Amino acid sequence: MEEIINTLLRARRLGQLVQLLNDYGFFASLSKRGAKCIIEYRNCVFEDIIPQFGTYICKIDEIVVKRIDGHVNIKWMKRTANWDKKCISIILQSETSNQHNRADLDTDTYKYEFTSPNTLQNKYRHSVHGGK
C-alpha cells in the first residue's frame, strides 16, 4: 500500500512541475513507462542562451526535478543544448528517493504547491506595438 501511495504522490508532484513548466512556455508533457517517468520539453525558453549556457541550464533543471522528486537518477535522451529539436529526460526513482517520499508523506501537499505564473513577474508586462 505504501508503494502505491508513493507512486501517486510522485506522479502528482511531477504533474505539478510539468504544469508549471507549461505555464512558462516549455510545452512539456509527462508520461510513465514502468518505473520510469519521462518529461518531454518541446520548447526551451532559454533558446537564446543555449550556446553559452546550455549545460548549466540543464543542470538547473536536474536540481529542480531532484528537489521535487527526491533522490532520483536523471538521464537525458535528447537536449536542445546538444542541438536536438526537443529535450527528453528519463527520471528513475532510487531507493533513497523512496525513503525521502516516506519521510515527507504528511507535508507533501504544503511542500509542493506552486503559484501561478500570473504573479508579479507577468503582472507588469506591457505589450509592444511596433514603434508606437
C-alpha atoms as a PDB file:
ATOM      1  CA  MET A   1       0.000   0.000   0.000  1.00  0.00           C
ATOM      2  CA  GLU A   2       2.840   2.382   0.872  1.00  0.00           C
ATOM      3  CA  GLU A   3       4.386   1.872  -2.576  1.00  0.00           C
ATOM      4  CA  ILE A   4       1.106   2.796  -4.272  1.00  0.00           C
ATOM      5  CA  ILE A   5       0.834   5.950  -2.161  1.00  0.00           C
ATOM      6  CA  ASN A   6       4.431   6.919  -3.020  1.00  0.00           C
ATOM      7  CA  THR A   7       3.756   6.355  -6.723  1.00  0.00           C
ATOM      8  CA  LEU A   8       0.633   8.555  -6.614  1.00  0.00           C
ATOM      9  CA  LEU A   9       2.431  11.318  -4.707  1.00  0.00           C
ATOM     10  CA  ARG A  10       5.340  11.203  -7.133  1.00  0.00           C
ATOM     11  CA  ALA A  11       3.015  11.440 -10.141  1.00  0.00           C
ATOM     12  CA  ARG A  12       1.216  14.391  -8.571  1.00  0.00           C
ATOM     13  CA  ARG A  13       4.455  16.260  -7.802  1.00  0.00           C
ATOM     14  CA  LEU A  14       5.851  15.713 -11.297  1.00  0.00           C
ATOM     15  CA  GLY A  15       2.469  16.623 -12.789  1.00  0.00           C
ATOM     16  CA  GLN A  16       2.568  19.924 -10.905  1.00  0.00           C
ATOM     17  CA  LEU A  17       6.094  20.540 -12.171  1.00  0.00           C
ATOM     18  CA  VAL A  18       5.027  19.898 -15.775  1.00  0.00           C
ATOM     19  CA  GLN A  19       2.064  22.268 -15.339  1.00  0.00           C
ATOM     20  CA  LEU A  20       4.409  24.959 -14.011  1.00  0.00           C
ATOM     21  CA  LEU A  21       6.773  24.405 -16.958  1.00  0.00           C
ATOM     22  CA  ASN A  22       3.831  24.735 -19.353  1.00  0.00           C
ATOM     23  CA  ASP A  23       2.710  27.947 -17.672  1.00  0.00           C
ATOM     24  CA  TYR A  24       6.130  29.374 -18.570  1.00  0.00           C
ATOM     25  CA  GLY A  25       6.095  28.146 -22.179  1.00  0.00           C
ATOM     26  CA  PHE A  26       8.062  24.882 -22.190  1.00  0.00           C
ATOM     27  CA  PHE A  27       5.223  22.814 -23.782  1.00  0.00           C
ATOM     28  CA  ALA A  28       6.149  19.908 -21.520  1.00  0.00           C
ATOM     29  CA  SER A  29       4.457  16.543 -21.094  1.00  0.00           C
ATOM     30  CA  LEU A  30       4.791  13.753 -18.560  1.00  0.00           C
ATOM     31  CA  SER A  31       4.496  10.043 -19.282  1.00  0.00           C
ATOM     32  CA  LYS A  32       5.250   6.915 -17.310  1.00  0.00           C
ATOM     33  CA  ARG A  33       6.767   3.668 -18.560  1.00  0.00           C
ATOM     34  CA  GLY A  34       7.126   1.142 -15.766  1.00  0.00           C
ATOM     35  CA  ALA A  35       9.270   2.685 -13.031  1.00  0.00           C
ATOM     36  CA  LYS A  36      10.454   5.469 -15.368  1.00  0.00           C
ATOM     37  CA  CYS A  37       8.881   8.900 -15.637  1.00  0.00           C
ATOM     38  CA  ILE A  38       9.602  10.795 -18.822  1.00  0.00           C
ATOM     39  CA  ILE A  39       9.381  14.550 -19.196  1.00  0.00           C
ATOM     40  CA  GLU A  40       9.436  15.876 -22.731  1.00  0.00           C
ATOM     41  CA  TYR A  41      10.070  19.571 -23.342  1.00  0.00           C
ATOM     42  CA  ARG A  42       9.058  20.675 -26.841  1.00  0.00           C
ATOM     43  CA  ASN A  43      10.155  24.283 -26.354  1.00  0.00           C
ATOM     44  CA  CYS A  44      13.116  25.714 -24.478  1.00  0.00           C
ATOM     45  CA  VAL A  45      12.514  29.238 -23.271  1.00  0.00           C
ATOM     46  CA  PHE A  46      16.284  29.608 -22.848  1.00  0.00           C
ATOM     47  CA  GLU A  47      16.957  29.060 -26.560  1.00  0.00           C
ATOM     48  CA  ASP A  48      18.825  32.351 -26.946  1.00  0.00           C
ATOM     49  CA  ILE A  49      21.420  31.480 -24.300  1.00  0.00           C
ATOM     50  CA  ILE A  50      21.825  27.760 -25.009  1.00  0.00           C
ATOM     51  CA  PRO A  51      25.071  28.177 -26.992  1.00  0.00           C
ATOM     52  CA  GLN A  52      26.778  29.788 -23.996  1.00  0.00           C
ATOM     53  CA  PHE A  53      24.950  28.275 -21.005  1.00  0.00           C
ATOM     54  CA  GLY A  54      23.081  25.169 -22.211  1.00  0.00           C
ATOM     55  CA  THR A  55      24.847  22.711 -19.919  1.00  0.00           C
ATOM     56  CA  TYR A  56      24.184  24.912 -16.889  1.00  0.00           C
ATOM     57  CA  ILE A  57      20.502  25.348 -17.757  1.00  0.00           C
ATOM     58  CA  CYS A  58      20.086  21.557 -17.969  1.00  0.00           C
ATOM     59  CA  LYS A  59      21.823  21.157 -14.585  1.00  0.00           C
ATOM     60  CA  ILE A  60      19.384  23.643 -13.047  1.00  0.00           C
ATOM     61  CA  ASP A  61      16.512  21.552 -14.418  1.00  0.00           C
ATOM     62  CA  GLU A  62      18.037  18.428 -12.853  1.00  0.00           C
ATOM     63  CA  ILE A  63      18.322  20.185  -9.479  1.00  0.00           C
ATOM     64  CA  VAL A  64      14.677  21.272  -9.627  1.00  0.00           C
ATOM     65  CA  VAL A  65      13.469  17.757 -10.508  1.00  0.00           C
ATOM     66  CA  LYS A  66      15.580  16.226  -7.730  1.00  0.00           C
ATOM     67  CA  ARG A  67      14.251  18.778  -5.244  1.00  0.00           C
ATOM     68  CA  ILE A  68      10.675  17.898  -6.178  1.00  0.00           C
ATOM     69  CA  ASP A  69      11.005  14.136  -6.717  1.00  0.00           C
ATOM     70  CA  GLY A  70      13.747  13.240  -4.247  1.00  0.00           C
ATOM     71  CA  HIS A  71      16.976  11.437  -4.903  1.00  0.00           C
ATOM     72  CA  VAL A  72      16.437  10.284  -8.479  1.00  0.00           C
ATOM     73  CA  ASN A  73      18.643   9.450 -11.411  1.00  0.00           C
ATOM     74  CA  ILE A  74      18.074  11.603 -14.491  1.00  0.00           C
ATOM     75  CA  LYS A  75      19.192  10.594 -17.950  1.00  0.00           C
ATOM     76  CA  TRP A  76      18.887  12.985 -20.880  1.00  0.00           C
ATOM     77  CA  MET A  77      17.873  11.189 -24.071  1.00  0.00           C
ATOM     78  CA  LYS A  78      17.711  14.429 -26.072  1.00  0.00           C
ATOM     79  CA  ARG A  79      18.655  18.021 -25.242  1.00  0.00           C
ATOM     80  CA  THR A  80      18.353  21.238 -27.170  1.00  0.00           C
ATOM     81  CA  ALA A  81      21.731  22.075 -25.625  1.00  0.00           C
ATOM     82  CA  ASN A  82      23.075  19.251 -27.846  1.00  0.00           C
ATOM     83  CA  TRP A  83      21.205  20.665 -30.870  1.00  0.00           C
ATOM     84  CA  ASP A  84      18.285  18.214 -30.661  1.00  0.00           C
ATOM     85  CA  LYS A  85      14.838  19.582 -31.554  1.00  0.00           C
ATOM     86  CA  LYS A  86      13.478  18.890 -28.046  1.00  0.00           C
ATOM     87  CA  CYS A  87      14.550  17.725 -24.593  1.00  0.00           C
ATOM     88  CA  ILE A  88      13.619  14.347 -23.175  1.00  0.00           C
ATOM     89  CA  SER A  89      14.627  13.393 -19.651  1.00  0.00           C
ATOM     90  CA  ILE A  90      14.088   9.980 -18.097  1.00  0.00           C
ATOM     91  CA  ILE A  91      13.662  10.003 -14.333  1.00  0.00           C
ATOM     92  CA  LEU A  92      14.370   6.812 -12.418  1.00  0.00           C
ATOM     93  CA  GLN A  93      13.402   6.644  -8.778  1.00  0.00           C
ATOM     94  CA  SER A  94      16.122   5.343  -6.470  1.00  0.00           C
ATOM     95  CA  GLU A  95      15.719   3.619  -3.108  1.00  0.00           C
ATOM     96  CA  THR A  96      16.917   6.817  -1.448  1.00  0.00           C
ATOM     97  CA  SER A  97      14.035   8.614  -3.169  1.00  0.00           C
ATOM     98  CA  ASN A  98      11.560   6.106  -1.718  1.00  0.00           C
ATOM     99  CA  GLN A  99      12.881   6.895   1.768  1.00  0.00           C
ATOM    100  CA  HIS A 100      12.572  10.626   1.040  1.00  0.00           C
ATOM    101  CA  ASN A 101       8.946  10.172  -0.042  1.00  0.00           C
ATOM    102  CA  ARG A 102       8.071   8.158   3.073  1.00  0.00           C
ATOM    103  CA  ALA A 103       9.505  10.847   5.329  1.00  0.00           C
ATOM    104  CA  ASP A 104       7.512  13.624   3.599  1.00  0.00           C
ATOM    105  CA  LEU A 105       4.083  11.976   3.298  1.00  0.00           C
ATOM    106  CA  ASP A 106       2.482  14.350   5.802  1.00  0.00           C
ATOM    107  CA  THR A 107       3.938  17.556   4.360  1.00  0.00           C
ATOM    108  CA  ASP A 108       3.546  16.763   0.659  1.00  0.00           C
ATOM    109  CA  THR A 109       0.539  18.974  -0.093  1.00  0.00           C
ATOM    110  CA  TYR A 110       2.097  22.010   1.542  1.00  0.00           C
ATOM    111  CA  LYS A 111       5.604  21.438   0.277  1.00  0.00           C
ATOM    112  CA  TYR A 112       4.834  21.169  -3.420  1.00  0.00           C
ATOM    113  CA  GLU A 113       2.239  23.845  -4.062  1.00  0.00           C
ATOM    114  CA  PHE A 114       3.157  26.083  -6.993  1.00  0.00           C
ATOM    115  CA  THR A 115       1.949  29.590  -7.632  1.00  0.00           C
ATOM    116  CA  SER A 116       0.572  30.681 -10.943  1.00  0.00           C
ATOM    117  CA  PRO A 117       2.939  32.446 -13.339  1.00  0.00           C
ATOM    118  CA  ASN A 118       0.397  35.269 -13.291  1.00  0.00           C
ATOM    119  CA  THR A 119       2.300  36.801 -10.406  1.00  0.00           C
ATOM    120  CA  LEU A 120       4.421  39.898 -10.052  1.00  0.00           C
ATOM    121  CA  GLN A 121       6.714  38.874 -12.924  1.00  0.00           C
ATOM    122  CA  ASN A 122       3.919  38.813 -15.520  1.00  0.00           C
ATOM    123  CA  LYS A 123       1.592  41.335 -13.899  1.00  0.00           C
ATOM    124  CA  TYR A 124       3.538  44.362 -15.090  1.00  0.00           C
ATOM    125  CA  ARG A 125       4.437  43.258 -18.608  1.00  0.00           C
ATOM    126  CA  HIS A 126       3.228  45.575 -21.324  1.00  0.00           C
ATOM    127  CA  SER A 127       2.774  44.662 -24.942  1.00  0.00           C
ATOM    128  CA  VAL A 128       4.965  46.387 -27.503  1.00  0.00           C
ATOM    129  CA  HIS A 129       3.232  47.904 -30.544  1.00  0.00           C
ATOM    130  CA  GLY A 130       5.842  48.301 -33.294  1.00  0.00           C
ATOM    131  CA  GLY A 131       7.238  51.745 -32.554  1.00  0.00           C
ATOM    132  CA  LYS A 132       4.048  53.422 -31.354  1.00  0.00           C
END
